[in-house]
Amino acid sequence: MDDAGLLPGGELIERGLRDVVEGRETTAALLVAIGAPRLRALGRPVSHGWSNPEHRLYERLAGEFGADEAHSRYNALIRVLVSFERAAECVS
């Protein structure tokens, strides 16, 4: 998956992978932590990251955008992750 940045959501996922390695708890890193099992199966070395990344991501979004918008932003990010994973499975 050398061209991961070319896949849907690839730039965000690549940024998240870098953030996880560097220990930065960012939105992208938490998204990668959520997708870690499937990303590992696709050959991406993802460390465990943080416990409860789903809750941490939602709380982060709620703090940044408010509770009303957090839900839709969370769901949009999960759709980006799933799109990336599906595309990566197709090219692998």
PDB file of N, CA and C in Angstrom:
ATOM      1  N   MET A   1       0.836  -1.169   0.000  1.00  0.00           N
ATOM      2  CA  MET A   1       0.000   0.000   0.000  1.00  0.00           C
ATOM      3  C   MET A   1       0.890   1.244   0.000  1.00  0.00           C
ATOM      4  N   ASP A   2       1.790   1.315  -0.937  1.00  0.00           N
ATOM      5  CA  ASP A   2       2.711   2.442  -1.026  1.00  0.00           C
ATOM      6  C   ASP A   2       2.006   3.733  -1.418  1.00  0.00           C
ATOM      7  N   ASP A   3       0.918   3.632  -2.152  1.00  0.00           N
ATOM      8  CA  ASP A   3       0.197   4.810  -2.620  1.00  0.00           C
ATOM      9  C   ASP A   3      -1.029   5.091  -1.760  1.00  0.00           C
ATOM     10  N   ALA A   4      -0.926   4.857  -0.458  1.00  0.00           N
ATOM     11  CA  ALA A   4      -2.076   5.025   0.435  1.00  0.00           C
ATOM     12  C   ALA A   4      -2.624   6.438   0.387  1.00  0.00           C
ATOM     13  N   GLY A   5      -1.780   7.423   0.159  1.00  0.00           N
ATOM     14  CA  GLY A   5      -2.236   8.803   0.089  1.00  0.00           C
ATOM     15  C   GLY A   5      -3.141   9.076  -1.087  1.00  0.00           C
ATOM     16  N   LEU A   6      -3.131   8.174  -2.076  1.00  0.00           N
ATOM     17  CA  LEU A   6      -3.981   8.345  -3.248  1.00  0.00           C
ATOM     18  C   LEU A   6      -5.375   7.747  -3.057  1.00  0.00           C
ATOM     19  N   LEU A   7      -5.547   6.954  -2.025  1.00  0.00           N
ATOM     20  CA  LEU A   7      -6.842   6.333  -1.752  1.00  0.00           C
ATOM     21  C   LEU A   7      -7.766   7.340  -1.074  1.00  0.00           C
ATOM     22  N   PRO A   8      -9.084   7.120  -1.130  1.00  0.00           N
ATOM     23  CA  PRO A   8     -10.014   8.024  -0.448  1.00  0.00           C
ATOM     24  C   PRO A   8      -9.672   8.116   1.037  1.00  0.00           C
ATOM     25  N   GLY A   9      -9.465   9.312   1.525  1.00  0.00           N
ATOM     26  CA  GLY A   9      -9.116   9.510   2.922  1.00  0.00           C
ATOM     27  C   GLY A   9      -7.672   9.196   3.258  1.00  0.00           C
ATOM     28  N   GLY A  10      -6.886   8.883   2.247  1.00  0.00           N
ATOM     29  CA  GLY A  10      -5.512   8.450   2.469  1.00  0.00           C
ATOM     30  C   GLY A  10      -4.636   9.468   3.172  1.00  0.00           C
ATOM     31  N   GLU A  11      -4.800  10.721   2.831  1.00  0.00           N
ATOM     32  CA  GLU A  11      -3.968  11.751   3.475  1.00  0.00           C
ATOM     33  C   GLU A  11      -4.261  11.826   4.967  1.00  0.00           C
ATOM     34  N   LEU A  12      -5.531  11.746   5.331  1.00  0.00           N
ATOM     35  CA  LEU A  12      -5.916  11.786   6.738  1.00  0.00           C
ATOM     36  C   LEU A  12      -5.385  10.558   7.480  1.00  0.00           C
ATOM     37  N   ILE A  13      -5.509   9.402   6.866  1.00  0.00           N
ATOM     38  CA  ILE A  13      -5.045   8.168   7.506  1.00  0.00           C
ATOM     39  C   ILE A  13      -3.522   8.182   7.642  1.00  0.00           C
ATOM     40  N   GLU A  14      -2.819   8.615   6.615  1.00  0.00           N
ATOM     41  CA  GLU A  14      -1.353   8.705   6.695  1.00  0.00           C
ATOM     42  C   GLU A  14      -0.930   9.673   7.794  1.00  0.00           C
ATOM     43  N   ARG A  15      -1.609  10.800   7.904  1.00  0.00           N
ATOM     44  CA  ARG A  15      -1.314  11.762   8.970  1.00  0.00           C
ATOM     45  C   ARG A  15      -1.562  11.117  10.329  1.00  0.00           C
ATOM     46  N   GLY A  16      -2.649  10.373  10.440  1.00  0.00           N
ATOM     47  CA  GLY A  16      -2.965   9.687  11.692  1.00  0.00           C
ATOM     48  C   GLY A  16      -1.924   8.645  12.056  1.00  0.00           C
ATOM     49  N   LEU A  17      -1.440   7.912  11.056  1.00  0.00           N
ATOM     50  CA  LEU A  17      -0.389   6.920  11.317  1.00  0.00           C
ATOM     51  C   LEU A  17       0.871   7.600  11.852  1.00  0.00           C
ATOM     52  N   ARG A  18       1.238   8.728  11.256  1.00  0.00           N
ATOM     53  CA  ARG A  18       2.411   9.477  11.744  1.00  0.00           C
ATOM     54  C   ARG A  18       2.183   9.982  13.166  1.00  0.00           C
ATOM     55  N   ASP A  19       0.982  10.508  13.420  1.00  0.00           N
ATOM     56  CA  ASP A  19       0.684  11.028  14.749  1.00  0.00           C
ATOM     57  C   ASP A  19       0.729   9.930  15.807  1.00  0.00           C
ATOM     58  N   VAL A  20       0.234   8.741  15.480  1.00  0.00           N
ATOM     59  CA  VAL A  20       0.276   7.623  16.424  1.00  0.00           C
ATOM     60  C   VAL A  20       1.728   7.281  16.749  1.00  0.00           C
ATOM     61  N   VAL A  21       2.565   7.181  15.729  1.00  0.00           N
ATOM     62  CA  VAL A  21       3.981   6.863  15.938  1.00  0.00           C
ATOM     63  C   VAL A  21       4.643   7.913  16.828  1.00  0.00           C
ATOM     64  N   GLU A  22       4.269   9.173  16.620  1.00  0.00           N
ATOM     65  CA  GLU A  22       4.874  10.269  17.383  1.00  0.00           C
ATOM     66  C   GLU A  22       4.178  10.515  18.730  1.00  0.00           C
ATOM     67  N   GLY A  23       3.141   9.728  19.023  1.00  0.00           N
ATOM     68  CA  GLY A  23       2.460   9.834  20.310  1.00  0.00           C
ATOM     69  C   GLY A  23       1.557  11.038  20.457  1.00  0.00           C
ATOM     70  N   ARG A  24       1.144  11.636  19.337  1.00  0.00           N
ATOM     71  CA  ARG A  24       0.248  12.802  19.383  1.00  0.00           C
ATOM     72  C   ARG A  24      -1.199  12.334  19.305  1.00  0.00           C
ATOM     73  N   GLU A  25      -1.982  12.718  20.269  1.00  0.00           N
ATOM     74  CA  GLU A  25      -3.400  12.358  20.277  1.00  0.00           C
ATOM     75  C   GLU A  25      -4.179  13.405  19.488  1.00  0.00           C
ATOM     76  N   THR A  26      -4.258  13.193  18.197  1.00  0.00           N
ATOM     77  CA  THR A  26      -4.974  14.091  17.295  1.00  0.00           C
ATOM     78  C   THR A  26      -6.238  13.395  16.812  1.00  0.00           C
ATOM     79  N   THR A  27      -7.064  14.144  16.135  1.00  0.00           N
ATOM     80  CA  THR A  27      -8.261  13.555  15.531  1.00  0.00           C
ATOM     81  C   THR A  27      -7.872  12.434  14.581  1.00  0.00           C
ATOM     82  N   ALA A  28      -6.870  12.679  13.739  1.00  0.00           N
ATOM     83  CA  ALA A  28      -6.431  11.668  12.772  1.00  0.00           C
ATOM     84  C   ALA A  28      -5.869  10.443  13.480  1.00  0.00           C
ATOM     85  N   ALA A  29      -5.101  10.641  14.554  1.00  0.00           N
ATOM     86  CA  ALA A  29      -4.518   9.516  15.290  1.00  0.00           C
ATOM     87  C   ALA A  29      -5.603   8.678  15.955  1.00  0.00           C
ATOM     88  N   LEU A  30      -6.604   9.325  16.518  1.00  0.00           N
ATOM     89  CA  LEU A  30      -7.696   8.584  17.148  1.00  0.00           C
ATOM     90  C   LEU A  30      -8.488   7.799  16.108  1.00  0.00           C
ATOM     91  N   LEU A  31      -8.664   8.377  14.933  1.00  0.00           N
ATOM     92  CA  LEU A  31      -9.354   7.661  13.855  1.00  0.00           C
ATOM     93  C   LEU A  31      -8.562   6.411  13.464  1.00  0.00           C
ATOM     94  N   VAL A  32      -7.256   6.546  13.348  1.00  0.00           N
ATOM     95  CA  VAL A  32      -6.401   5.389  13.035  1.00  0.00           C
ATOM     96  C   VAL A  32      -6.488   4.355  14.152  1.00  0.00           C
ATOM     97  N   ALA A  33      -6.514   4.803  15.399  1.00  0.00           N
ATOM     98  CA  ALA A  33      -6.622   3.867  16.516  1.00  0.00           C
ATOM     99  C   ALA A  33      -7.937   3.090  16.452  1.00  0.00           C
ATOM    100  N   ILE A  34      -9.001   3.746  16.029  1.00  0.00           N
ATOM    101  CA  ILE A  34     -10.286   3.061  15.867  1.00  0.00           C
ATOM    102  C   ILE A  34     -10.167   1.977  14.800  1.00  0.00           C
ATOM    103  N   GLY A  35      -9.493   2.291  13.712  1.00  0.00           N
ATOM    104  CA  GLY A  35      -9.361   1.341  12.610  1.00  0.00           C
ATOM    105  C   GLY A  35      -8.165   0.422  12.710  1.00  0.00           C
ATOM    106  N   ALA A  36      -7.447   0.456  13.830  1.00  0.00           N
ATOM    107  CA  ALA A  36      -6.192  -0.290  13.954  1.00  0.00           C
ATOM    108  C   ALA A  36      -6.291  -1.770  13.590  1.00  0.00           C
ATOM    109  N   PRO A  37      -7.274  -2.524  14.061  1.00  0.00           N
ATOM    110  CA  PRO A  37      -7.301  -3.951  13.712  1.00  0.00           C
ATOM    111  C   PRO A  37      -7.375  -4.191  12.193  1.00  0.00           C
ATOM    112  N   ARG A  38      -8.227  -3.465  11.545  1.00  0.00           N
ATOM    113  CA  ARG A  38      -8.380  -3.647  10.100  1.00  0.00           C
ATOM    114  C   ARG A  38      -7.165  -3.098   9.350  1.00  0.00           C
ATOM    115  N   LEU A  39      -6.610  -1.982   9.820  1.00  0.00           N
ATOM    116  CA  LEU A  39      -5.414  -1.428   9.188  1.00  0.00           C
ATOM    117  C   LEU A  39      -4.230  -2.383   9.340  1.00  0.00           C
ATOM    118  N   ARG A  40      -4.110  -3.027  10.502  1.00  0.00           N
ATOM    119  CA  ARG A  40      -3.054  -4.029  10.688  1.00  0.00           C
ATOM    120  C   ARG A  40      -3.226  -5.178   9.704  1.00  0.00           C
ATOM    121  N   ALA A  41      -4.458  -5.608   9.520  1.00  0.00           N
ATOM    122  CA  ALA A  41      -4.727  -6.696   8.571  1.00  0.00           C
ATOM    123  C   ALA A  41      -4.354  -6.304   7.147  1.00  0.00           C
ATOM    124  N   LEU A  42      -4.354  -4.997   6.881  1.00  0.00           N
ATOM    125  CA  LEU A  42      -3.976  -4.488   5.559  1.00  0.00           C
ATOM    126  C   LEU A  42      -2.476  -4.230   5.451  1.00  0.00           C
ATOM    127  N   GLY A  43      -1.734  -4.584   6.503  1.00  0.00           N
ATOM    128  CA  GLY A  43      -0.289  -4.444   6.461  1.00  0.00           C
ATOM    129  C   GLY A  43       0.260  -3.142   7.004  1.00  0.00           C
ATOM    130  N   ARG A  44      -0.586  -2.343   7.633  1.00  0.00           N
ATOM    131  CA  ARG A  44      -0.127  -1.083   8.227  1.00  0.00           C
ATOM    132  C   ARG A  44       0.224  -1.338   9.688  1.00  0.00           C
ATOM    133  N   PRO A  45       1.470  -1.101  10.076  1.00  0.00           N
ATOM    134  CA  PRO A  45       1.842  -1.331  11.475  1.00  0.00           C
ATOM    135  C   PRO A  45       1.278  -0.227  12.368  1.00  0.00           C
ATOM    136  N   VAL A  46       0.242  -0.557  13.112  1.00  0.00           N
ATOM    137  CA  VAL A  46      -0.404   0.417  13.993  1.00  0.00           C
ATOM    138  C   VAL A  46      -0.252  -0.077  15.423  1.00  0.00           C
ATOM    139  N   SER A  47       0.400   0.731  16.256  1.00  0.00           N
ATOM    140  CA  SER A  47       0.504   0.372  17.670  1.00  0.00           C
ATOM    141  C   SER A  47      -0.868   0.530  18.314  1.00  0.00           C
ATOM    142  N   HIS A  48      -0.987   0.083  19.524  1.00  0.00           N
ATOM    143  CA  HIS A  48      -2.287   0.118  20.192  1.00  0.00           C
ATOM    144  C   HIS A  48      -2.839   1.521  20.342  1.00  0.00           C
ATOM    145  N   GLY A  49      -1.998   2.482  20.538  1.00  0.00           N
ATOM    146  CA  GLY A  49      -2.498   3.850  20.675  1.00  0.00           C
ATOM    147  C   GLY A  49      -3.162   4.065  22.018  1.00  0.00           C
ATOM    148  N   TRP A  50      -4.398   4.506  22.026  1.00  0.00           N
ATOM    149  CA  TRP A  50      -5.093   4.903  23.241  1.00  0.00           C
ATOM    150  C   TRP A  50      -6.260   3.974  23.518  1.00  0.00           C
ATOM    151  N   SER A  51      -6.604   3.865  24.793  1.00  0.00           N
ATOM    152  CA  SER A  51      -7.788   3.086  25.141  1.00  0.00           C
ATOM    153  C   SER A  51      -9.031   3.905  24.783  1.00  0.00           C
ATOM    154  N   ASN A  52     -10.082   3.222  24.448  1.00  0.00           N
ATOM    155  CA  ASN A  52     -11.364   3.857  24.105  1.00  0.00           C
ATOM    156  C   ASN A  52     -11.228   4.972  23.067  1.00  0.00           C
ATOM    157  N   PRO A  53     -10.595   4.702  21.921  1.00  0.00           N
ATOM    158  CA  PRO A  53     -10.414   5.786  20.946  1.00  0.00           C
ATOM    159  C   PRO A  53     -11.736   6.346  20.421  1.00  0.00           C
ATOM    160  N   GLU A  54     -12.783   5.521  20.378  1.00  0.00           N
ATOM    161  CA  GLU A  54     -14.081   6.005  19.910  1.00  0.00           C
ATOM    162  C   GLU A  54     -14.593   7.121  20.810  1.00  0.00           C
ATOM    163  N   HIS A  55     -14.541   6.890  22.114  1.00  0.00           N
ATOM    164  CA  HIS A  55     -15.020   7.884  23.077  1.00  0.00           C
ATOM    165  C   HIS A  55     -14.121   9.112  23.081  1.00  0.00           C
ATOM    166  N   ARG A  56     -12.816   8.879  22.993  1.00  0.00           N
ATOM    167  CA  ARG A  56     -11.880   9.996  23.005  1.00  0.00           C
ATOM    168  C   ARG A  56     -12.085  10.893  21.788  1.00  0.00           C
ATOM    169  N   LEU A  57     -12.312  10.266  20.627  1.00  0.00           N
ATOM    170  CA  LEU A  57     -12.547  11.048  19.414  1.00  0.00           C
ATOM    171  C   LEU A  57     -13.832  11.855  19.543  1.00  0.00           C
ATOM    172  N   TYR A  58     -14.888  11.213  20.016  1.00  0.00           N
ATOM    173  CA  TYR A  58     -16.156  11.925  20.163  1.00  0.00           C
ATOM    174  C   TYR A  58     -16.012  13.097  21.135  1.00  0.00           C
ATOM    175  N   GLU A  59     -15.359  12.856  22.263  1.00  0.00           N
ATOM    176  CA  GLU A  59     -15.154  13.932  23.246  1.00  0.00           C
ATOM    177  C   GLU A  59     -14.331  15.075  22.658  1.00  0.00           C
ATOM    178  N   ARG A  60     -13.339  14.740  21.882  1.00  0.00           N
ATOM    179  CA  ARG A  60     -12.499  15.753  21.229  1.00  0.00           C
ATOM    180  C   ARG A  60     -13.345  16.608  20.290  1.00  0.00           C
ATOM    181  N   LEU A  61     -14.171  15.938  19.484  1.00  0.00           N
ATOM    182  CA  LEU A  61     -15.028  16.658  18.540  1.00  0.00           C
ATOM    183  C   LEU A  61     -16.064  17.514  19.270  1.00  0.00           C
ATOM    184  N   ALA A  62     -16.627  16.982  20.351  1.00  0.00           N
ATOM    185  CA  ALA A  62     -17.604  17.746  21.131  1.00  0.00           C
ATOM    186  C   ALA A  62     -16.958  18.988  21.731  1.00  0.00           C
ATOM    187  N   GLY A  63     -15.728  18.856  22.182  1.00  0.00           N
ATOM    188  CA  GLY A  63     -15.027  20.002  22.742  1.00  0.00           C
ATOM    189  C   GLY A  63     -14.696  21.052  21.698  1.00  0.00           C
ATOM    190  N   GLU A  64     -14.435  20.593  20.493  1.00  0.00           N
ATOM    191  CA  GLU A  64     -14.052  21.512  19.420  1.00  0.00           C
ATOM    192  C   GLU A  64     -15.254  22.140  18.716  1.00  0.00           C
ATOM    193  N   PHE A  65     -16.296  21.338  18.496  1.00  0.00           N
ATOM    194  CA  PHE A  65     -17.419  21.798  17.676  1.00  0.00           C
ATOM    195  C   PHE A  65     -18.748  21.877  18.418  1.00  0.00           C
ATOM    196  N   GLY A  66     -18.795  21.406  19.650  1.00  0.00           N
ATOM    197  CA  GLY A  66     -20.048  21.377  20.388  1.00  0.00           C
ATOM    198  C   GLY A  66     -20.745  20.043  20.215  1.00  0.00           C
ATOM    199  N   ALA A  67     -21.581  19.724  21.183  1.00  0.00           N
ATOM    200  CA  ALA A  67     -22.251  18.424  21.201  1.00  0.00           C
ATOM    201  C   ALA A  67     -23.157  18.218  19.990  1.00  0.00           C
ATOM    202  N   ASP A  68     -23.808  19.284  19.524  1.00  0.00           N
ATOM    203  CA  ASP A  68     -24.743  19.141  18.408  1.00  0.00           C
ATOM    204  C   ASP A  68     -24.043  18.698  17.127  1.00  0.00           C
ATOM    205  N   GLU A  69     -22.848  19.210  16.881  1.00  0.00           N
ATOM    206  CA  GLU A  69     -22.148  18.890  15.636  1.00  0.00           C
ATOM    207  C   GLU A  69     -21.204  17.701  15.759  1.00  0.00           C
ATOM    208  N   ALA A  70     -20.860  17.319  16.976  1.00  0.00           N
ATOM    209  CA  ALA A  70     -19.891  16.238  17.188  1.00  0.00           C
ATOM    210  C   ALA A  70     -20.349  14.932  16.551  1.00  0.00           C
ATOM    211  N   HIS A  71     -21.623  14.622  16.686  1.00  0.00           N
ATOM    212  CA  HIS A  71     -22.138  13.352  16.166  1.00  0.00           C
ATOM    213  C   HIS A  71     -21.971  13.255  14.653  1.00  0.00           C
ATOM    214  N   SER A  72     -22.343  14.279  13.930  1.00  0.00           N
ATOM    215  CA  SER A  72     -22.232  14.217  12.463  1.00  0.00           C
ATOM    216  C   SER A  72     -20.770  14.213  12.021  1.00  0.00           C
ATOM    217  N   ARG A  73     -19.915  14.952  12.704  1.00  0.00           N
ATOM    218  CA  ARG A  73     -18.489  14.945  12.358  1.00  0.00           C
ATOM    219  C   ARG A  73     -17.864  13.587  12.653  1.00  0.00           C
ATOM    220  N   TYR A  74     -18.235  12.985  13.776  1.00  0.00           N
ATOM    221  CA  TYR A  74     -17.743  11.652  14.127  1.00  0.00           C
ATOM    222  C   TYR A  74     -18.133  10.651  13.043  1.00  0.00           C
ATOM    223  N   ASN A  75     -19.406  10.660  12.668  1.00  0.00           N
ATOM    224  CA  ASN A  75     -19.870   9.727  11.640  1.00  0.00           C
ATOM    225  C   ASN A  75     -19.180   9.967  10.303  1.00  0.00           C
ATOM    226  N   ALA A  76     -18.939  11.216   9.952  1.00  0.00           N
ATOM    227  CA  ALA A  76     -18.240  11.521   8.701  1.00  0.00           C
ATOM    228  C   ALA A  76     -16.819  10.972   8.727  1.00  0.00           C
ATOM    229  N   LEU A  77     -16.138  11.113   9.854  1.00  0.00           N
ATOM    230  CA  LEU A  77     -14.776  10.583   9.962  1.00  0.00           C
ATOM    231  C   LEU A  77     -14.770   9.056   9.873  1.00  0.00           C
ATOM    232  N   ILE A  78     -15.728   8.410  10.491  1.00  0.00           N
ATOM    233  CA  ILE A  78     -15.811   6.943  10.412  1.00  0.00           C
ATOM    234  C   ILE A  78     -16.054   6.517   8.968  1.00  0.00           C
ATOM    235  N   ARG A  79     -16.870   7.262   8.236  1.00  0.00           N
ATOM    236  CA  ARG A  79     -17.092   6.934   6.816  1.00  0.00           C
ATOM    237  C   ARG A  79     -15.800   7.082   6.012  1.00  0.00           C
ATOM    238  N   VAL A  80     -14.995   8.090   6.324  1.00  0.00           N
ATOM    239  CA  VAL A  80     -13.702   8.256   5.645  1.00  0.00           C
ATOM    240  C   VAL A  80     -12.811   7.050   5.937  1.00  0.00           C
ATOM    241  N   LEU A  81     -12.752   6.627   7.184  1.00  0.00           N
ATOM    242  CA  LEU A  81     -11.948   5.462   7.562  1.00  0.00           C
ATOM    243  C   LEU A  81     -12.404   4.217   6.815  1.00  0.00           C
ATOM    244  N   VAL A  82     -13.686   3.963   6.801  1.00  0.00           N
ATOM    245  CA  VAL A  82     -14.222   2.776   6.133  1.00  0.00           C
ATOM    246  C   VAL A  82     -13.953   2.841   4.621  1.00  0.00           C
ATOM    247  N   SER A  83     -14.094   4.004   4.021  1.00  0.00           N
ATOM    248  CA  SER A  83     -13.804   4.155   2.588  1.00  0.00           C
ATOM    249  C   SER A  83     -12.342   3.836   2.298  1.00  0.00           C
ATOM    250  N   PHE A  84     -11.450   4.333   3.151  1.00  0.00           N
ATOM    251  CA  PHE A  84     -10.034   4.041   2.981  1.00  0.00           C
ATOM    252  C   PHE A  84      -9.781   2.539   3.089  1.00  0.00           C
ATOM    253  N   GLU A  85     -10.337   1.927   4.119  1.00  0.00           N
ATOM    254  CA  GLU A  85     -10.110   0.493   4.345  1.00  0.00           C
ATOM    255  C   GLU A  85     -10.631  -0.337   3.170  1.00  0.00           C
ATOM    256  N   ARG A  86     -11.798  -0.014   2.687  1.00  0.00           N
ATOM    257  CA  ARG A  86     -12.364  -0.758   1.555  1.00  0.00           C
ATOM    258  C   ARG A  86     -11.531  -0.588   0.293  1.00  0.00           C
ATOM    259  N   ALA A  87     -11.108   0.639   0.031  1.00  0.00           N
ATOM    260  CA  ALA A  87     -10.273   0.890  -1.155  1.00  0.00           C
ATOM    261  C   ALA A  87      -8.939   0.159  -1.022  1.00  0.00           C
ATOM    262  N   ALA A  88      -8.353   0.182   0.169  1.00  0.00           N
ATOM    263  CA  ALA A  88      -7.078  -0.492   0.389  1.00  0.00           C
ATOM    264  C   ALA A  88      -7.209  -1.993   0.198  1.00  0.00           C
ATOM    265  N   GLU A  89      -8.339  -2.550   0.627  1.00  0.00           N
ATOM    266  CA  GLU A  89      -8.575  -3.980   0.422  1.00  0.00           C
ATOM    267  C   GLU A  89      -8.669  -4.299  -1.069  1.00  0.00           C
ATOM    268  N   CYS A  90      -9.252  -3.416  -1.835  1.00  0.00           N
ATOM    269  CA  CYS A  90      -9.395  -3.650  -3.277  1.00  0.00           C
ATOM    270  C   CYS A  90      -8.058  -3.637  -4.005  1.00  0.00           C
ATOM    271  N   VAL A  91      -7.135  -2.805  -3.563  1.00  0.00           N
ATOM    272  CA  VAL A  91      -5.858  -2.705  -4.269  1.00  0.00           C
ATOM    273  C   VAL A  91      -4.811  -3.665  -3.716  1.00  0.00           C
ATOM    274  N   SER A  92      -5.101  -4.313  -2.589  1.00  0.00           N
ATOM    275  CA  SER A  92      -4.102  -5.234  -2.031  1.00  0.00           C
ATOM    276  C   SER A  92      -4.292  -6.638  -2.527  1.00  0.00           C
TER     277      SER A  92
END
